[in-house]
Amino acid sequence: MQVDGIIDGTMKLEKSLVVSRTGRIKGEVWADKIIVNGQVEGICHANSIEILDKGVVSGSIYCDNLSIDRGGKFFGTTFPAETQHVVEFTPKAKTDDKKEKPVTEQKLKKAQ
């Protein structure tokens, strides 16, 4: 997705976001890759963020791969990428009561 205008709010993308020179975003952004040549103010979550020579980012960045070209500006704080851990709980299905029971010490002695 490419932004050439103004967006105020939250954006959640599965792929790349490109903020052109005329683009302005204020809010929270989630994307696989963010390329900024305009202005972003807020919180950015991405696998990769590039701030190009005319780009300005103000706020917090959650990313492990950040690059800033000569002339690009970043005002804020960086953090490691947040990894989402999705845990699915599936209760065990009931089984027959005919399970093998543990062998006790007495049964072992009798068998010997």
N, C-alpha and C. Protein backbone atom coordinates (compact mmCIF):
# COMPACT_ATOMS: atom_id res chain seq x y z
N MET A 1 0.84 -1.17 0.00
CA MET A 1 0.00 0.00 0.00
C MET A 1 0.89 1.23 0.00
N GLN A 2 0.51 2.23 -0.76
CA GLN A 2 1.26 3.48 -0.80
C GLN A 2 0.36 4.61 -0.31
N VAL A 3 0.90 5.44 0.58
CA VAL A 3 0.17 6.58 1.11
C VAL A 3 0.77 7.85 0.53
N ASP A 4 -0.07 8.60 -0.22
CA ASP A 4 0.36 9.88 -0.77
C ASP A 4 -0.34 11.05 -0.07
N GLY A 5 -1.34 10.74 0.75
CA GLY A 5 -2.12 11.77 1.44
C GLY A 5 -1.91 11.70 2.94
N ILE A 6 -2.98 11.98 3.68
CA ILE A 6 -2.91 12.05 5.14
C ILE A 6 -3.81 10.97 5.74
N ILE A 7 -3.26 10.20 6.68
CA ILE A 7 -4.03 9.19 7.41
C ILE A 7 -3.83 9.44 8.89
N ASP A 8 -4.95 9.47 9.62
CA ASP A 8 -4.92 9.62 11.08
C ASP A 8 -5.67 8.43 11.65
N GLY A 9 -4.94 7.50 12.26
CA GLY A 9 -5.59 6.32 12.81
C GLY A 9 -4.67 5.12 12.83
N THR A 10 -5.27 3.94 12.88
CA THR A 10 -4.53 2.69 12.98
C THR A 10 -4.56 1.96 11.65
N MET A 11 -3.42 1.44 11.25
CA MET A 11 -3.32 0.67 9.99
C MET A 11 -2.70 -0.68 10.30
N LYS A 12 -3.33 -1.75 9.79
CA LYS A 12 -2.79 -3.09 9.93
C LYS A 12 -2.71 -3.70 8.54
N LEU A 13 -1.49 -3.95 8.08
CA LEU A 13 -1.25 -4.49 6.75
C LEU A 13 -0.48 -5.79 6.85
N GLU A 14 -0.73 -6.71 5.92
CA GLU A 14 0.02 -7.95 5.89
C GLU A 14 1.30 -7.81 5.08
N LYS A 15 1.35 -6.83 4.20
CA LYS A 15 2.52 -6.67 3.34
C LYS A 15 3.19 -5.33 3.61
N SER A 16 3.65 -4.66 2.57
CA SER A 16 4.44 -3.44 2.72
C SER A 16 3.60 -2.17 2.73
N LEU A 17 4.14 -1.17 3.42
CA LEU A 17 3.56 0.16 3.43
C LEU A 17 4.63 1.13 2.96
N VAL A 18 4.29 1.96 1.98
CA VAL A 18 5.21 2.97 1.48
C VAL A 18 4.56 4.33 1.74
N VAL A 19 5.27 5.18 2.48
CA VAL A 19 4.79 6.54 2.73
C VAL A 19 5.62 7.46 1.84
N SER A 20 4.97 8.01 0.79
CA SER A 20 5.70 8.84 -0.18
C SER A 20 6.01 10.21 0.43
N ARG A 21 6.72 11.05 -0.32
CA ARG A 21 7.11 12.37 0.18
C ARG A 21 5.92 13.20 0.62
N THR A 22 4.78 13.06 -0.05
CA THR A 22 3.59 13.83 0.32
C THR A 22 2.74 13.11 1.36
N GLY A 23 3.11 11.88 1.74
CA GLY A 23 2.33 11.09 2.68
C GLY A 23 2.59 11.46 4.13
N ARG A 24 1.52 11.44 4.92
CA ARG A 24 1.59 11.73 6.35
C ARG A 24 0.73 10.72 7.09
N ILE A 25 1.30 10.07 8.10
CA ILE A 25 0.54 9.13 8.92
C ILE A 25 0.72 9.51 10.38
N LYS A 26 -0.40 9.56 11.09
CA LYS A 26 -0.37 9.80 12.53
C LYS A 26 -1.19 8.70 13.17
N GLY A 27 -0.54 7.86 13.98
CA GLY A 27 -1.24 6.75 14.61
C GLY A 27 -0.34 5.56 14.80
N GLU A 28 -0.95 4.38 14.76
CA GLU A 28 -0.21 3.14 14.97
C GLU A 28 -0.27 2.32 13.70
N VAL A 29 0.89 1.77 13.31
CA VAL A 29 1.00 1.04 12.04
C VAL A 29 1.62 -0.32 12.28
N TRP A 30 0.99 -1.37 11.72
CA TRP A 30 1.53 -2.72 11.67
C TRP A 30 1.68 -3.10 10.22
N ALA A 31 2.87 -3.55 9.83
CA ALA A 31 3.11 -4.00 8.46
C ALA A 31 4.33 -4.91 8.45
N ASP A 32 4.48 -5.67 7.37
CA ASP A 32 5.67 -6.50 7.24
C ASP A 32 6.89 -5.61 7.02
N LYS A 33 6.74 -4.63 6.12
CA LYS A 33 7.83 -3.71 5.82
C LYS A 33 7.25 -2.30 5.69
N ILE A 34 7.95 -1.33 6.27
CA ILE A 34 7.53 0.07 6.18
C ILE A 34 8.67 0.88 5.56
N ILE A 35 8.35 1.60 4.49
CA ILE A 35 9.32 2.48 3.84
C ILE A 35 8.78 3.89 3.95
N VAL A 36 9.57 4.79 4.55
CA VAL A 36 9.10 6.15 4.83
C VAL A 36 9.95 7.17 4.08
N ASN A 37 9.28 7.95 3.22
CA ASN A 37 9.93 9.10 2.58
C ASN A 37 9.12 10.36 2.86
N GLY A 38 8.06 10.19 3.65
CA GLY A 38 7.22 11.30 4.10
C GLY A 38 7.35 11.42 5.61
N GLN A 39 6.20 11.49 6.30
CA GLN A 39 6.23 11.63 7.75
C GLN A 39 5.33 10.60 8.42
N VAL A 40 5.86 10.01 9.49
CA VAL A 40 5.08 9.09 10.32
C VAL A 40 5.27 9.52 11.76
N GLU A 41 4.12 9.70 12.45
CA GLU A 41 4.16 10.06 13.86
C GLU A 41 3.31 9.06 14.61
N GLY A 42 3.94 8.33 15.54
CA GLY A 42 3.20 7.34 16.31
C GLY A 42 4.04 6.11 16.59
N ILE A 43 3.40 4.94 16.48
CA ILE A 43 4.06 3.68 16.80
C ILE A 43 4.08 2.81 15.55
N CYS A 44 5.26 2.27 15.24
CA CYS A 44 5.42 1.41 14.06
C CYS A 44 5.86 0.02 14.51
N HIS A 45 5.16 -1.00 14.02
CA HIS A 45 5.52 -2.40 14.27
C HIS A 45 5.79 -3.02 12.90
N ALA A 46 7.00 -3.54 12.68
CA ALA A 46 7.32 -4.13 11.38
C ALA A 46 8.51 -5.06 11.49
N ASN A 47 8.65 -5.93 10.50
CA ASN A 47 9.85 -6.77 10.41
C ASN A 47 11.03 -5.94 9.90
N SER A 48 10.74 -4.95 9.04
CA SER A 48 11.78 -4.12 8.45
C SER A 48 11.25 -2.70 8.27
N ILE A 49 12.05 -1.71 8.64
CA ILE A 49 11.67 -0.31 8.46
C ILE A 49 12.84 0.42 7.80
N GLU A 50 12.53 1.14 6.71
CA GLU A 50 13.52 1.97 6.02
C GLU A 50 13.05 3.41 6.07
N ILE A 51 13.90 4.29 6.57
CA ILE A 51 13.62 5.72 6.54
C ILE A 51 14.52 6.30 5.45
N LEU A 52 13.90 6.77 4.37
CA LEU A 52 14.65 7.28 3.23
C LEU A 52 15.11 8.71 3.48
N ASP A 53 15.82 9.30 2.52
CA ASP A 53 16.48 10.60 2.71
C ASP A 53 15.54 11.74 3.07
N LYS A 54 14.28 11.71 2.68
CA LYS A 54 13.32 12.77 3.03
C LYS A 54 12.35 12.32 4.12
N GLY A 55 12.53 11.11 4.64
CA GLY A 55 11.61 10.54 5.62
C GLY A 55 11.86 11.05 7.03
N VAL A 56 10.76 11.21 7.78
CA VAL A 56 10.83 11.61 9.18
C VAL A 56 9.88 10.71 9.97
N VAL A 57 10.42 10.03 10.99
CA VAL A 57 9.60 9.20 11.86
C VAL A 57 9.77 9.71 13.29
N SER A 58 8.63 9.96 13.95
CA SER A 58 8.62 10.41 15.34
C SER A 58 7.78 9.44 16.15
N GLY A 59 8.34 8.90 17.22
CA GLY A 59 7.57 7.98 18.06
C GLY A 59 8.37 6.75 18.43
N SER A 60 7.69 5.61 18.46
CA SER A 60 8.32 4.34 18.86
C SER A 60 8.33 3.38 17.68
N ILE A 61 9.44 2.66 17.57
CA ILE A 61 9.59 1.66 16.52
C ILE A 61 9.86 0.31 17.17
N TYR A 62 9.05 -0.69 16.80
CA TYR A 62 9.25 -2.07 17.23
C TYR A 62 9.70 -2.85 16.00
N CYS A 63 11.02 -3.08 15.92
CA CYS A 63 11.57 -3.67 14.71
C CYS A 63 12.99 -4.17 15.00
N ASP A 64 13.38 -5.25 14.30
CA ASP A 64 14.75 -5.76 14.43
C ASP A 64 15.63 -5.37 13.25
N ASN A 65 15.04 -4.77 12.21
CA ASN A 65 15.80 -4.41 11.02
C ASN A 65 15.44 -2.97 10.62
N LEU A 66 16.21 -2.01 11.12
CA LEU A 66 15.95 -0.59 10.88
C LEU A 66 17.11 0.00 10.09
N SER A 67 16.78 0.74 9.01
CA SER A 67 17.83 1.45 8.29
C SER A 67 17.37 2.89 8.05
N ILE A 68 18.32 3.82 8.19
CA ILE A 68 18.04 5.24 8.00
C ILE A 68 19.06 5.77 6.99
N ASP A 69 18.54 6.23 5.86
CA ASP A 69 19.42 6.81 4.83
C ASP A 69 19.93 8.18 5.29
N ARG A 70 21.05 8.62 4.71
CA ARG A 70 21.58 9.94 5.00
C ARG A 70 20.50 10.97 4.66
N GLY A 71 20.18 11.83 5.61
CA GLY A 71 19.13 12.82 5.43
C GLY A 71 17.83 12.43 6.11
N GLY A 72 17.63 11.12 6.31
CA GLY A 72 16.43 10.64 7.01
C GLY A 72 16.52 10.98 8.49
N LYS A 73 15.36 11.16 9.13
CA LYS A 73 15.34 11.56 10.54
C LYS A 73 14.45 10.64 11.36
N PHE A 74 14.93 10.32 12.56
CA PHE A 74 14.15 9.52 13.50
C PHE A 74 14.24 10.16 14.88
N PHE A 75 13.08 10.47 15.46
CA PHE A 75 13.01 11.04 16.80
C PHE A 75 12.15 10.10 17.64
N GLY A 76 12.76 9.42 18.59
CA GLY A 76 11.96 8.52 19.40
C GLY A 76 12.77 7.40 20.01
N THR A 77 12.11 6.26 20.17
CA THR A 77 12.70 5.12 20.84
C THR A 77 12.51 3.87 20.00
N THR A 78 13.54 3.02 19.98
CA THR A 78 13.43 1.75 19.28
C THR A 78 13.36 0.62 20.29
N PHE A 79 12.64 -0.42 19.92
CA PHE A 79 12.49 -1.61 20.74
C PHE A 79 12.64 -2.83 19.84
N PRO A 80 13.03 -3.97 20.42
CA PRO A 80 13.06 -5.19 19.61
C PRO A 80 11.64 -5.52 19.14
N ALA A 81 11.56 -6.22 18.02
CA ALA A 81 10.26 -6.61 17.49
C ALA A 81 9.53 -7.46 18.52
N GLU A 82 8.25 -7.21 18.65
CA GLU A 82 7.44 -8.01 19.56
C GLU A 82 7.04 -9.27 18.83
N THR A 83 7.32 -10.41 19.44
CA THR A 83 6.91 -11.65 18.82
C THR A 83 5.62 -12.10 19.46
N GLN A 84 4.68 -12.45 18.62
CA GLN A 84 3.41 -12.92 19.13
C GLN A 84 3.47 -14.42 19.29
N HIS A 85 3.15 -14.87 20.47
CA HIS A 85 3.09 -16.30 20.72
C HIS A 85 1.64 -16.69 20.88
N VAL A 86 1.15 -17.44 19.92
CA VAL A 86 -0.22 -17.89 19.97
C VAL A 86 -0.20 -19.31 20.49
N VAL A 87 -0.87 -19.52 21.59
CA VAL A 87 -0.92 -20.85 22.19
C VAL A 87 -2.36 -21.31 22.12
N GLU A 88 -2.55 -22.47 21.54
CA GLU A 88 -3.89 -23.03 21.45
C GLU A 88 -4.00 -24.17 22.44
N PHE A 89 -4.99 -24.09 23.28
CA PHE A 89 -5.20 -25.12 24.28
C PHE A 89 -6.29 -26.06 23.80
N THR A 90 -5.94 -27.32 23.70
CA THR A 90 -6.91 -28.33 23.30
C THR A 90 -6.96 -29.36 24.42
N PRO A 91 -8.12 -29.49 25.07
CA PRO A 91 -8.20 -30.48 26.14
C PRO A 91 -8.05 -31.90 25.57
N LYS A 92 -7.42 -32.76 26.36
CA LYS A 92 -7.22 -34.14 25.90
C LYS A 92 -8.57 -34.84 25.82
N ALA A 93 -8.70 -35.64 24.80
CA ALA A 93 -9.92 -36.43 24.66
C ALA A 93 -9.93 -37.52 25.73
N LYS A 94 -11.12 -37.86 26.20
CA LYS A 94 -11.22 -38.92 27.21
C LYS A 94 -10.88 -40.25 26.56
N THR A 95 -10.11 -41.04 27.28
CA THR A 95 -9.73 -42.36 26.76
C THR A 95 -10.38 -43.44 27.61
N ASP A 96 -10.32 -44.64 27.14
CA ASP A 96 -10.90 -45.76 27.90
C ASP A 96 -10.17 -45.92 29.22
N ASP A 97 -10.90 -46.49 30.17
CA ASP A 97 -10.30 -46.77 31.47
C ASP A 97 -9.43 -48.02 31.42
N LYS A 98 -9.30 -48.61 30.25
CA LYS A 98 -8.53 -49.84 30.11
C LYS A 98 -7.06 -49.56 29.84
N LYS A 99 -6.61 -48.42 30.33
CA LYS A 99 -5.19 -48.09 30.17
C LYS A 99 -4.35 -49.06 30.98
N GLU A 100 -3.10 -49.19 30.54
CA GLU A 100 -2.17 -49.97 31.35
C GLU A 100 -1.90 -49.21 32.62
N LYS A 101 -2.00 -49.90 33.71
CA LYS A 101 -1.73 -49.29 35.00
C LYS A 101 -0.26 -49.48 35.33
N PRO A 102 0.32 -48.55 36.07
CA PRO A 102 1.74 -48.69 36.40
C PRO A 102 2.00 -49.94 37.23
N VAL A 103 3.14 -50.53 37.01
CA VAL A 103 3.52 -51.74 37.74
C VAL A 103 4.08 -51.30 39.08
N THR A 104 3.54 -51.87 40.14
CA THR A 104 4.02 -51.51 41.48
C THR A 104 5.20 -52.40 41.85
N GLU A 105 5.88 -52.04 42.91
CA GLU A 105 7.04 -52.81 43.36
C GLU A 105 6.65 -54.22 43.76
N GLN A 106 5.46 -54.40 44.39
CA GLN A 106 5.04 -55.73 44.84
C GLN A 106 4.85 -56.64 43.63
N LYS A 107 4.24 -56.16 42.57
CA LYS A 107 4.03 -56.99 41.40
C LYS A 107 5.38 -57.36 40.77
N LEU A 108 6.33 -56.45 40.82
CA LEU A 108 7.65 -56.75 40.28
C LEU A 108 8.31 -57.88 41.05
N LYS A 109 8.21 -57.86 42.40
CA LYS A 109 8.83 -58.88 43.23
C LYS A 109 8.21 -60.25 42.97
N LYS A 110 6.86 -60.28 42.81
CA LYS A 110 6.19 -61.55 42.55
C LYS A 110 6.61 -62.12 41.22
N ALA A 111 6.82 -61.26 40.23
CA ALA A 111 7.17 -61.72 38.89
C ALA A 111 8.58 -62.28 38.85
N GLN A 112 9.45 -61.86 39.76
CA GLN A 112 10.84 -62.32 39.74
C GLN A 112 10.90 -63.64 40.34
